[in-house]
PDB file of N, CA and C in Angstrom:
ATOM      1  N   UNK A   1      95.998  91.029 117.530  1.00  0.00           N
ATOM      2  CA  UNK A   1      96.592  90.470 116.645  1.00  0.00           C
ATOM      3  C   UNK A   1      96.131  90.613 114.994  1.00  0.00           C
ATOM      4  N   UNK A   2      96.804  90.935 114.158  1.00  0.00           N
ATOM      5  CA  UNK A   2      96.411  90.498 113.095  1.00  0.00           C
ATOM      6  C   UNK A   2      97.839  90.035 112.289  1.00  0.00           C
ATOM      7  N   UNK A   3      97.197  89.318 110.626  1.00  0.00           N
ATOM      8  CA  UNK A   3      98.185  88.904 110.229  1.00  0.00           C
ATOM      9  C   UNK A   3      98.255  89.427 108.661  1.00  0.00           C
ATOM     10  N   UNK A   4      99.181  89.629 107.708  1.00  0.00           N
ATOM     11  CA  UNK A   4      99.084  90.043 106.362  1.00  0.00           C
ATOM     12  C   UNK A   4      99.879  89.191 105.667  1.00  0.00           C
ATOM     13  N   UNK A   5      99.760  89.305 104.733  1.00  0.00           N
ATOM     14  CA  UNK A   5      99.797  87.859 103.319  1.00  0.00           C
ATOM     15  C   UNK A   5     100.161  88.550 102.375  1.00  0.00           C
ATOM     16  N   UNK A   6     101.214  88.351 101.430  1.00  0.00           N
ATOM     17  CA  UNK A   6     101.438  89.008  99.699  1.00  0.00           C
ATOM     18  C   UNK A   6     102.629  87.993  99.065  1.00  0.00           C
ATOM     19  N   UNK A   7     102.657  88.690  98.556  1.00  0.00           N
ATOM     20  CA  UNK A   7     103.699  87.763  97.300  1.00  0.00           C
ATOM     21  C   UNK A   7     105.072  87.615  97.309  1.00  0.00           C
ATOM     22  N   UNK A   8     105.497  86.516  96.614  1.00  0.00           N
ATOM     23  CA  UNK A   8     107.011  86.450  97.527  1.00  0.00           C
ATOM     24  C   UNK A   8     107.102  85.461  98.678  1.00  0.00           C
ATOM     25  N   UNK A   9     106.065  84.631  98.773  1.00  0.00           N
ATOM     26  CA  UNK A   9     105.942  84.201 100.273  1.00  0.00           C
ATOM     27  C   UNK A   9     105.664  85.064 101.207  1.00  0.00           C
ATOM     28  N   UNK A  10     105.119  86.274 101.067  1.00  0.00           N
ATOM     29  CA  UNK A  10     104.963  87.311 102.564  1.00  0.00           C
ATOM     30  C   UNK A  10     103.684  87.087 103.407  1.00  0.00           C
ATOM     31  N   UNK A  11     104.589  86.594 104.808  1.00  0.00           N
ATOM     32  CA  UNK A  11     103.463  86.841 105.516  1.00  0.00           C
ATOM     33  C   UNK A  11     104.005  87.486 107.358  1.00  0.00           C
ATOM     34  N   UNK A  12     103.331  87.761 107.410  1.00  0.00           N
ATOM     35  CA  UNK A  12     103.517  88.924 108.550  1.00  0.00           C
ATOM     36  C   UNK A  12     102.408  89.219 109.650  1.00  0.00           C
ATOM     37  N   UNK A  13     103.185  88.809 110.535  1.00  0.00           N
ATOM     38  CA  UNK A  13     101.914  88.864 112.355  1.00  0.00           C
ATOM     39  C   UNK A  13     102.560  90.398 113.225  1.00  0.00           C
ATOM     40  N   UNK A  14     101.397  90.672 113.611  1.00  0.00           N
ATOM     41  CA  UNK A  14     101.667  91.582 114.934  1.00  0.00           C
ATOM     42  C   UNK A  14     100.561  91.419 115.909  1.00  0.00           C
ATOM     43  N   UNK A  15     101.752  91.676 117.251  1.00  0.00           N
ATOM     44  CA  UNK A  15     100.237  91.736 118.089  1.00  0.00           C
ATOM     45  C   UNK A  15     100.262  93.259 119.067  1.00  0.00           C
ATOM     46  N   UNK A  16     101.357  94.449 118.219  1.00  0.00           N
ATOM     47  CA  UNK A  16     100.996  95.428 118.555  1.00  0.00           C
ATOM     48  C   UNK A  16     100.206  96.347 118.087  1.00  0.00           C
ATOM     49  N   UNK A  17      99.100  95.866 117.407  1.00  0.00           N
ATOM     50  CA  UNK A  17      98.380  96.745 116.886  1.00  0.00           C
ATOM     51  C   UNK A  17      98.896  97.713 115.633  1.00  0.00           C
ATOM     52  N   UNK A  18      99.789  97.041 115.313  1.00  0.00           N
ATOM     53  CA  UNK A  18     100.523  97.476 113.920  1.00  0.00           C
ATOM     54  C   UNK A  18     102.116  98.505 113.752  1.00  0.00           C
ATOM     55  N   UNK A  19     101.889  98.446 115.491  1.00  0.00           N
ATOM     56  CA  UNK A  19     103.197  99.124 115.448  1.00  0.00           C
ATOM     57  C   UNK A  19     104.905  98.310 115.302  1.00  0.00           C
ATOM     58  N   UNK A  20     104.527  97.115 115.413  1.00  0.00           N
ATOM     59  CA  UNK A  20     106.090  96.260 115.423  1.00  0.00           C
ATOM     60  C   UNK A  20     105.327  94.786 114.491  1.00  0.00           C
ATOM     61  N   UNK A  21     105.882  94.415 112.899  1.00  0.00           N
ATOM     62  CA  UNK A  21     105.726  93.386 112.607  1.00  0.00           C
ATOM     63  C   UNK A  21     107.055  92.391 112.461  1.00  0.00           C
ATOM     64  N   UNK A  22     106.132  90.850 112.692  1.00  0.00           N
ATOM     65  CA  UNK A  22     107.141  89.705 112.363  1.00  0.00           C
ATOM     66  C   UNK A  22     106.852  89.219 111.056  1.00  0.00           C
ATOM     67  N   UNK A  23     107.798  88.513 110.620  1.00  0.00           N
ATOM     68  CA  UNK A  23     107.911  87.949 109.570  1.00  0.00           C
ATOM     69  C   UNK A  23     107.629  86.322 109.649  1.00  0.00           C
ATOM     70  N   UNK A  24     106.959  85.713 108.816  1.00  0.00           N
ATOM     71  CA  UNK A  24     106.808  84.338 109.354  1.00  0.00           C
ATOM     72  C   UNK A  24     107.487  83.596 108.220  1.00  0.00           C
ATOM     73  N   UNK A  25     108.671  82.714 108.016  1.00  0.00           N
ATOM     74  CA  UNK A  25     109.015  81.697 107.083  1.00  0.00           C
ATOM     75  C   UNK A  25     108.532  80.714 106.715  1.00  0.00           C
ATOM     76  N   UNK A  26     107.697  80.097 105.887  1.00  0.00           N
ATOM     77  CA  UNK A  26     107.151  79.511 105.091  1.00  0.00           C
ATOM     78  C   UNK A  26     108.186  78.352 104.432  1.00  0.00           C
ATOM     79  N   UNK A  27     108.829  77.374 104.773  1.00  0.00           N
ATOM     80  CA  UNK A  27     109.332  76.646 103.653  1.00  0.00           C
ATOM     81  C   UNK A  27     108.686  76.501 101.980  1.00  0.00           C
ATOM     82  N   UNK A  28     109.807  76.921 101.382  1.00  0.00           N
ATOM     83  CA  UNK A  28     109.422  76.982  99.890  1.00  0.00           C
ATOM     84  C   UNK A  28     108.662  77.826  99.549  1.00  0.00           C
ATOM     85  N   UNK A  29     108.792  78.705  99.744  1.00  0.00           N
ATOM     86  CA  UNK A  29     107.350  79.371  99.443  1.00  0.00           C
ATOM     87  C   UNK A  29     107.854  80.833  98.315  1.00  0.00           C
ATOM     88  N   UNK A  30     109.086  80.828  98.461  1.00  0.00           N
ATOM     89  CA  UNK A  30     109.130  82.016  97.575  1.00  0.00           C
ATOM     90  C   UNK A  30     108.826  82.449  96.234  1.00  0.00           C
ATOM     91  N   UNK A  31     108.114  81.740  95.715  1.00  0.00           N
ATOM     92  CA  UNK A  31     107.847  81.950  94.497  1.00  0.00           C
ATOM     93  C   UNK A  31     106.480  81.700  94.485  1.00  0.00           C
ATOM     94  N   UNK A  32     105.043  81.936  95.871  1.00  0.00           N
ATOM     95  CA  UNK A  32     104.203  81.277  95.854  1.00  0.00           C
ATOM     96  C   UNK A  32     103.131  83.152  96.149  1.00  0.00           C
ATOM     97  N   UNK A  33     102.379  83.330  96.439  1.00  0.00           N
ATOM     98  CA  UNK A  33     101.449  84.666  95.819  1.00  0.00           C
ATOM     99  C   UNK A  33     100.537  83.744  97.530  1.00  0.00           C
ATOM    100  N   UNK A  34     100.765  84.285  98.616  1.00  0.00           N
ATOM    101  CA  UNK A  34      99.613  84.120  99.240  1.00  0.00           C
ATOM    102  C   UNK A  34      98.603  85.146  99.353  1.00  0.00           C
ATOM    103  N   UNK A  35      97.165  84.571  99.410  1.00  0.00           N
ATOM    104  CA  UNK A  35      96.050  85.388  99.043  1.00  0.00           C
ATOM    105  C   UNK A  35      95.420  85.597  99.979  1.00  0.00           C
ATOM    106  N   UNK A  36      94.628  84.418 101.050  1.00  0.00           N
ATOM    107  CA  UNK A  36      94.231  84.572 102.302  1.00  0.00           C
ATOM    108  C   UNK A  36      94.910  84.050 103.553  1.00  0.00           C
ATOM    109  N   UNK A  37      94.234  84.341 104.439  1.00  0.00           N
ATOM    110  CA  UNK A  37      95.047  83.717 106.384  1.00  0.00           C
ATOM    111  C   UNK A  37      93.771  83.694 106.571  1.00  0.00           C
ATOM    112  N   UNK A  38      93.493  82.619 107.488  1.00  0.00           N
ATOM    113  CA  UNK A  38      92.457  82.455 108.861  1.00  0.00           C
ATOM    114  C   UNK A  38      93.189  82.259 110.257  1.00  0.00           C
ATOM    115  N   UNK A  39      92.977  83.086 110.879  1.00  0.00           N
ATOM    116  CA  UNK A  39      93.971  83.423 112.552  1.00  0.00           C
ATOM    117  C   UNK A  39      92.642  83.102 113.376  1.00  0.00           C
ATOM    118  N   UNK A  40      91.701  81.410 114.125  1.00  0.00           N
ATOM    119  CA  UNK A  40      90.749  81.656 114.819  1.00  0.00           C
ATOM    120  C   UNK A  40      91.221  82.084 116.594  1.00  0.00           C
ATOM    121  N   UNK A  41      92.739  82.297 116.144  1.00  0.00           N
ATOM    122  CA  UNK A  41      93.343  82.896 117.768  1.00  0.00           C
ATOM    123  C   UNK A  41      94.760  83.060 117.170  1.00  0.00           C
ATOM    124  N   UNK A  42      95.308  83.279 118.835  1.00  0.00           N
ATOM    125  CA  UNK A  42      96.645  83.468 118.659  1.00  0.00           C
ATOM    126  C   UNK A  42      97.656  83.104 118.267  1.00  0.00           C
ATOM    127  N   UNK A  43      97.519  81.593 118.551  1.00  0.00           N
ATOM    128  CA  UNK A  43      98.280  80.302 117.826  1.00  0.00           C
ATOM    129  C   UNK A  43      98.191  79.923 116.285  1.00  0.00           C
ATOM    130  N   UNK A  44      97.275  79.610 116.090  1.00  0.00           N
ATOM    131  CA  UNK A  44      96.732  78.740 114.888  1.00  0.00           C
ATOM    132  C   UNK A  44      96.133  79.999 113.738  1.00  0.00           C
ATOM    133  N   UNK A  45      96.502  79.257 112.541  1.00  0.00           N
ATOM    134  CA  UNK A  45      96.457  80.016 111.037  1.00  0.00           C
ATOM    135  C   UNK A  45      96.290  78.740 110.045  1.00  0.00           C
ATOM    136  N   UNK A  46      95.496  79.559 109.131  1.00  0.00           N
ATOM    137  CA  UNK A  46      95.705  78.296 107.435  1.00  0.00           C
ATOM    138  C   UNK A  46      95.822  79.372 106.644  1.00  0.00           C
ATOM    139  N   UNK A  47      96.942  78.928 105.880  1.00  0.00           N
ATOM    140  CA  UNK A  47      97.183  79.988 104.645  1.00  0.00           C
ATOM    141  C   UNK A  47      96.941  79.295 103.320  1.00  0.00           C
ATOM    142  N   UNK A  48      96.786  80.460 102.489  1.00  0.00           N
ATOM    143  CA  UNK A  48      96.202  79.881 100.948  1.00  0.00           C
ATOM    144  C   UNK A  48      97.273  80.535 100.287  1.00  0.00           C
ATOM    145  N   UNK A  49      97.729  79.841  99.268  1.00  0.00           N
ATOM    146  CA  UNK A  49      99.071  80.708  98.200  1.00  0.00           C
ATOM    147  C   UNK A  49      97.876  79.963  96.706  1.00  0.00           C
ATOM    148  N   UNK A  50      97.981  80.985  96.021  1.00  0.00           N
ATOM    149  CA  UNK A  50      97.124  80.954  94.770  1.00  0.00           C
ATOM    150  C   UNK A  50      97.931  81.191  93.618  1.00  0.00           C
ATOM    151  N   UNK A  51      97.715  80.041  92.880  1.00  0.00           N
ATOM    152  CA  UNK A  51      98.351  80.255  91.504  1.00  0.00           C
ATOM    153  C   UNK A  51      97.646  79.021  90.499  1.00  0.00           C
ATOM    154  N   UNK A  52      98.802  78.653  89.328  1.00  0.00           N
ATOM    155  CA  UNK A  52      98.391  77.909  88.787  1.00  0.00           C
ATOM    156  C   UNK A  52      98.597  76.248  89.267  1.00  0.00           C
ATOM    157  N   UNK A  53      98.242  75.418  89.545  1.00  0.00           N
ATOM    158  CA  UNK A  53      97.846  74.152  89.750  1.00  0.00           C
ATOM    159  C   UNK A  53      98.767  73.869  90.570  1.00  0.00           C
ATOM    160  N   UNK A  54     100.103  73.181  90.814  1.00  0.00           N
ATOM    161  CA  UNK A  54     100.690  73.165  92.186  1.00  0.00           C
ATOM    162  C   UNK A  54     101.125  74.491  93.330  1.00  0.00           C
ATOM    163  N   UNK A  55     100.499  75.300  92.433  1.00  0.00           N
ATOM    164  CA  UNK A  55     101.287  76.715  93.383  1.00  0.00           C
ATOM    165  C   UNK A  55      99.964  77.059  94.080  1.00  0.00           C
ATOM    166  N   UNK A  56      98.939  76.514  93.871  1.00  0.00           N
ATOM    167  CA  UNK A  56      97.757  76.334  94.508  1.00  0.00           C
ATOM    168  C   UNK A  56      97.747  75.485  96.449  1.00  0.00           C
ATOM    169  N   UNK A  57      98.033  75.819  97.455  1.00  0.00           N
ATOM    170  CA  UNK A  57      98.690  75.709  98.563  1.00  0.00           C
ATOM    171  C   UNK A  57      97.980  75.806  99.623  1.00  0.00           C
ATOM    172  N   UNK A  58      97.468  74.875 100.962  1.00  0.00           N
ATOM    173  CA  UNK A  58      97.453  75.736 101.894  1.00  0.00           C
ATOM    174  C   UNK A  58      98.372  75.009 103.201  1.00  0.00           C
ATOM    175  N   UNK A  59      98.694  75.851 104.113  1.00  0.00           N
ATOM    176  CA  UNK A  59      99.574  75.527 105.064  1.00  0.00           C
ATOM    177  C   UNK A  59      98.828  75.902 106.292  1.00  0.00           C
ATOM    178  N   UNK A  60      99.352  75.694 107.510  1.00  0.00           N
ATOM    179  CA  UNK A  60      98.958  75.396 108.577  1.00  0.00           C
ATOM    180  C   UNK A  60     100.239  75.521 109.900  1.00  0.00           C
ATOM    181  N   UNK A  61      99.461  76.225 110.949  1.00  0.00           N
ATOM    182  CA  UNK A  61     101.275  76.793 112.131  1.00  0.00           C
ATOM    183  C   UNK A  61      99.956  76.392 113.382  1.00  0.00           C
ATOM    184  N   UNK A  62     100.352  76.294 114.296  1.00  0.00           N
ATOM    185  CA  UNK A  62     100.048  75.478 115.121  1.00  0.00           C
ATOM    186  C   UNK A  62     100.931  76.576 116.910  1.00  0.00           C
ATOM    187  N   UNK A  63     101.599  77.447 115.700  1.00  0.00           N
ATOM    188  CA  UNK A  63     102.492  78.302 116.851  1.00  0.00           C
ATOM    189  C   UNK A  63     103.111  79.485 116.740  1.00  0.00           C
ATOM    190  N   UNK A  64     101.814  80.204 116.118  1.00  0.00           N
ATOM    191  CA  UNK A  64     102.110  81.399 115.937  1.00  0.00           C
ATOM    192  C   UNK A  64     102.837  81.658 114.603  1.00  0.00           C
ATOM    193  N   UNK A  65     102.845  80.867 113.709  1.00  0.00           N
ATOM    194  CA  UNK A  65     104.077  81.333 112.171  1.00  0.00           C
ATOM    195  C   UNK A  65     105.251  80.460 112.758  1.00  0.00           C
ATOM    196  N   UNK A  66     105.824  79.946 113.459  1.00  0.00           N
ATOM    197  CA  UNK A  66     106.708  80.015 113.905  1.00  0.00           C
ATOM    198  C   UNK A  66     107.329  78.825 113.008  1.00  0.00           C
ATOM    199  N   UNK A  67     106.444  77.821 112.635  1.00  0.00           N
ATOM    200  CA  UNK A  67     106.522  76.373 112.017  1.00  0.00           C
ATOM    201  C   UNK A  67     105.171  76.386 111.063  1.00  0.00           C
ATOM    202  N   UNK A  68     105.228  75.824 109.758  1.00  0.00           N
ATOM    203  CA  UNK A  68     104.368  75.904 108.461  1.00  0.00           C
ATOM    204  C   UNK A  68     103.981  74.566 108.452  1.00  0.00           C
ATOM    205  N   UNK A  69     103.304  73.834 108.063  1.00  0.00           N
ATOM    206  CA  UNK A  69     103.037  72.477 107.430  1.00  0.00           C
ATOM    207  C   UNK A  69     101.906  72.738 106.658  1.00  0.00           C
ATOM    208  N   UNK A  70     103.011  72.006 105.595  1.00  0.00           N
ATOM    209  CA  UNK A  70     101.778  72.437 104.012  1.00  0.00           C
ATOM    210  C   UNK A  70     100.511  71.083 104.456  1.00  0.00           C
ATOM    211  N   UNK A  71      99.382  70.952 104.037  1.00  0.00           N
ATOM    212  CA  UNK A  71      98.329  70.626 104.376  1.00  0.00           C
ATOM    213  C   UNK A  71      97.686  69.974 102.734  1.00  0.00           C
ATOM    214  N   UNK A  72      97.505  70.948 102.256  1.00  0.00           N
ATOM    215  CA  UNK A  72      96.858  70.620 100.306  1.00  0.00           C
ATOM    216  C   UNK A  72      97.407  71.056  99.332  1.00  0.00           C
ATOM    217  N   UNK A  73      97.650  70.461  98.418  1.00  0.00           N
ATOM    218  CA  UNK A  73      98.519  71.041  96.872  1.00  0.00           C
ATOM    219  C   UNK A  73      97.725  70.656  95.848  1.00  0.00           C
ATOM    220  N   UNK A  74      97.161  71.910  95.731  1.00  0.00           N
ATOM    221  CA  UNK A  74      96.231  71.501  94.215  1.00  0.00           C
ATOM    222  C   UNK A  74      96.658  70.704  93.577  1.00  0.00           C
ATOM    223  N   UNK A  75      95.576  69.525  93.303  1.00  0.00           N
ATOM    224  CA  UNK A  75      96.343  68.335  92.065  1.00  0.00           C
ATOM    225  C   UNK A  75      95.598  68.087  91.080  1.00  0.00           C
ATOM    226  N   UNK A  76      94.638  69.574  90.560  1.00  0.00           N
ATOM    227  CA  UNK A  76      94.426  69.780  89.325  1.00  0.00           C
ATOM    228  C   UNK A  76      95.589  70.707  88.520  1.00  0.00           C
ATOM    229  N   UNK A  77      96.176  70.532  87.713  1.00  0.00           N
ATOM    230  CA  UNK A  77      97.625  71.419  87.132  1.00  0.00           C
ATOM    231  C   UNK A  77      96.318  72.471  86.359  1.00  0.00           C
ATOM    232  N   UNK A  78      95.328  72.463  85.889  1.00  0.00           N
ATOM    233  CA  UNK A  78      94.298  73.721  85.323  1.00  0.00           C
ATOM    234  C   UNK A  78      93.785  74.597  86.641  1.00  0.00           C
ATOM    235  N   UNK A  79      93.902  74.116  87.713  1.00  0.00           N
ATOM    236  CA  UNK A  79      93.321  74.202  88.974  1.00  0.00           C
ATOM    237  C   UNK A  79      93.891  76.013  89.676  1.00  0.00           C
ATOM    238  N   UNK A  80      93.109  76.280  90.235  1.00  0.00           N
ATOM    239  CA  UNK A  80      93.527  77.908  90.816  1.00  0.00           C
ATOM    240  C   UNK A  80      92.969  78.251  92.218  1.00  0.00           C
ATOM    241  N   UNK A  81      93.195  77.813  93.454  1.00  0.00           N
ATOM    242  CA  UNK A  81      92.255  78.583  94.737  1.00  0.00           C
ATOM    243  C   UNK A  81      92.651  79.666  94.766  1.00  0.00           C
ATOM    244  N   UNK A  82      91.442  80.309  95.196  1.00  0.00           N
ATOM    245  CA  UNK A  82      90.771  81.568  95.382  1.00  0.00           C
ATOM    246  C   UNK A  82      90.838  82.167  97.101  1.00  0.00           C
ATOM    247  N   UNK A  83      90.173  81.216  97.894  1.00  0.00           N
ATOM    248  CA  UNK A  83      90.163  81.714  99.121  1.00  0.00           C
ATOM    249  C   UNK A  83      89.467  80.510  99.689  1.00  0.00           C
ATOM    250  N   UNK A  84      90.103  81.178 101.235  1.00  0.00           N
ATOM    251  CA  UNK A  84      89.508  79.750 102.404  1.00  0.00           C
ATOM    252  C   UNK A  84      88.767  80.535 103.882  1.00  0.00           C
ATOM    253  N   UNK A  85      87.994  79.995 103.746  1.00  0.00           N
ATOM    254  CA  UNK A  85      86.686  80.950 105.146  1.00  0.00           C
ATOM    255  C   UNK A  85      87.434  79.227 106.467  1.00  0.00           C
ATOM    256  N   UNK A  86      87.159  79.763 107.328  1.00  0.00           N
ATOM    257  CA  UNK A  86      86.690  79.063 108.315  1.00  0.00           C
ATOM    258  C   UNK A  86      85.632  78.860 109.312  1.00  0.00           C
ATOM    259  N   UNK A  87      85.104  78.280 109.447  1.00  0.00           N
ATOM    260  CA  UNK A  87      83.285  78.603 110.156  1.00  0.00           C
ATOM    261  C   UNK A  87      83.477  78.483 111.676  1.00  0.00           C
ATOM    262  N   UNK A  88      83.727  77.533 112.159  1.00  0.00           N
ATOM    263  CA  UNK A  88      84.656  76.822 113.230  1.00  0.00           C
ATOM    264  C   UNK A  88      85.807  76.662 113.111  1.00  0.00           C
ATOM    265  N   UNK A  89      86.436  76.788 114.374  1.00  0.00           N
ATOM    266  CA  UNK A  89      88.332  76.344 114.628  1.00  0.00           C
ATOM    267  C   UNK A  89      88.335  74.875 113.991  1.00  0.00           C
ATOM    268  N   UNK A  90      87.022  74.351 113.450  1.00  0.00           N
ATOM    269  CA  UNK A  90      87.085  72.797 113.389  1.00  0.00           C
ATOM    270  C   UNK A  90      86.896  72.152 111.936  1.00  0.00           C
ATOM    271  N   UNK A  91      86.475  73.674 111.244  1.00  0.00           N
ATOM    272  CA  UNK A  91      85.657  73.196 110.133  1.00  0.00           C
ATOM    273  C   UNK A  91      86.023  74.281 109.372  1.00  0.00           C
ATOM    274  N   UNK A  92      86.058  74.175 107.588  1.00  0.00           N
ATOM    275  CA  UNK A  92      86.856  75.214 106.940  1.00  0.00           C
ATOM    276  C   UNK A  92      86.292  74.798 105.390  1.00  0.00           C
ATOM    277  N   UNK A  93      86.254  75.801 104.297  1.00  0.00           N
ATOM    278  CA  UNK A  93      85.973  75.542 103.419  1.00  0.00           C
ATOM    279  C   UNK A  93      86.661  76.399 102.675  1.00  0.00           C
ATOM    280  N   UNK A  94      87.119  75.762 101.227  1.00  0.00           N
ATOM    281  CA  UNK A  94      88.105  76.511 100.226  1.00  0.00           C
ATOM    282  C   UNK A  94      87.255  76.677  98.844  1.00  0.00           C
ATOM    283  N   UNK A  95      87.828  77.569  98.317  1.00  0.00           N
ATOM    284  CA  UNK A  95      86.912  77.801  96.861  1.00  0.00           C
ATOM    285  C   UNK A  95      87.873  78.191  95.900  1.00  0.00           C
ATOM    286  N   UNK A  96      87.645  77.613  94.799  1.00  0.00           N
ATOM    287  CA  UNK A  96      89.034  77.806  93.599  1.00  0.00           C
ATOM    288  C   UNK A  96      88.051  78.139  92.438  1.00  0.00           C
ATOM    289  N   UNK A  97      88.850  78.322  91.495  1.00  0.00           N
ATOM    290  CA  UNK A  97      88.077  78.837  89.932  1.00  0.00           C
ATOM    291  C   UNK A  97      87.331  77.230  89.641  1.00  0.00           C
ATOM    292  N   UNK A  98      86.928  78.148  88.813  1.00  0.00           N
ATOM    293  CA  UNK A  98      86.119  76.469  87.672  1.00  0.00           C
ATOM    294  C   UNK A  98      86.952  75.457  86.712  1.00  0.00           C
ATOM    295  N   UNK A  99      86.647  74.568  86.810  1.00  0.00           N
ATOM    296  CA  UNK A  99      87.171  73.420  86.306  1.00  0.00           C
ATOM    297  C   UNK A  99      86.256  72.735  85.695  1.00  0.00           C
ATOM    298  N   UNK A 100      86.329  72.601  84.223  1.00  0.00           N
ATOM    299  CA  UNK A 100      85.585  72.230  83.813  1.00  0.00           C
ATOM    300  C   UNK A 100      84.332  72.434  83.450  1.00  0.00           C
ATOM    301  N   UNK A 101      83.965  73.816  84.020  1.00  0.00           N
ATOM    302  CA  UNK A 101      82.362  74.161  84.022  1.00  0.00           C
ATOM    303  C   UNK A 101      82.360  74.283  85.591  1.00  0.00           C
ATOM    304  N   UNK A 102      82.225  73.687  86.552  1.00  0.00           N
ATOM    305  CA  UNK A 102      82.429  73.511  87.823  1.00  0.00           C
ATOM    306  C   UNK A 102      83.508  74.226  89.170  1.00  0.00           C
ATOM    307  N   UNK A 103      82.686  75.467  89.946  1.00  0.00           N
ATOM    308  CA  UNK A 103      83.501  75.062  90.918  1.00  0.00           C
ATOM    309  C   UNK A 103      84.113  74.425  91.808  1.00  0.00           C
ATOM    310  N   UNK A 104      85.324  74.458  92.322  1.00  0.00           N
ATOM    311  CA  UNK A 104      86.167  74.100  93.148  1.00  0.00           C
ATOM    312  C   UNK A 104      86.153  73.733  94.298  1.00  0.00           C
ATOM    313  N   UNK A 105      85.122  72.690  95.229  1.00  0.00           N
ATOM    314  CA  UNK A 105      84.987  73.205  96.445  1.00  0.00           C
ATOM    315  C   UNK A 105      85.815  72.067  97.718  1.00  0.00           C
ATOM    316  N   UNK A 106      86.743  72.768  98.493  1.00  0.00           N
ATOM    317  CA  UNK A 106      86.722  71.389 100.002  1.00  0.00           C
ATOM    318  C   UNK A 106      86.334  71.984 100.308  1.00  0.00           C
ATOM    319  N   UNK A 107      85.477  71.275 101.240  1.00  0.00           N
ATOM    320  CA  UNK A 107      85.466  71.404 103.036  1.00  0.00           C
ATOM    321  C   UNK A 107      86.043  70.383 104.082  1.00  0.00           C
ATOM    322  N   UNK A 108      86.146  70.884 104.880  1.00  0.00           N
ATOM    323  CA  UNK A 108      86.847  69.529 106.101  1.00  0.00           C
ATOM    324  C   UNK A 108      86.025  69.778 107.543  1.00  0.00           C
ATOM    325  N   UNK A 109      86.418  68.820 107.991  1.00  0.00           N
ATOM    326  CA  UNK A 109      85.769  69.300 109.389  1.00  0.00           C
ATOM    327  C   UNK A 109      86.818  68.843 110.700  1.00  0.00           C
ATOM    328  N   UNK A 110      88.096  69.194 109.700  1.00  0.00           N
ATOM    329  CA  UNK A 110      89.082  68.282 110.675  1.00  0.00           C
ATOM    330  C   UNK A 110      90.138  69.298 110.465  1.00  0.00           C
ATOM    331  N   UNK A 111      90.168  70.253 110.820  1.00  0.00           N
ATOM    332  CA  UNK A 111      91.358  71.232 110.562  1.00  0.00           C
ATOM    333  C   UNK A 111      92.462  71.796 111.655  1.00  0.00           C
ATOM    334  N   UNK A 112      92.043  71.260 112.754  1.00  0.00           N
ATOM    335  CA  UNK A 112      92.557  71.350 114.054  1.00  0.00           C
ATOM    336  C   UNK A 112      94.337  70.667 114.077  1.00  0.00           C
TER     337      UNK A 112
END
């Protein structure tokens, strides 16, 4: 299983070592640049969009990309999310550009 992301809301998934790809639709994402995706198993994935302010968001799927739920929208209009990483299926970290001289870091132990 592999995932790929890109501009204008692009999310793709393959279960065939890249021979066939399925497109996944994230609601209201045509203006978003998806930069990172983390998938600990075949059904769960966390997706990150990057951009100024509220264009930086995180989404989650629990059904292999059939449905996506918005989890976090950047509350700072000058902020910009850069990357996410899962430590385990239940703990994650998000890193954003610095705001007022300090890096933005979110952590959670409740991502499932």
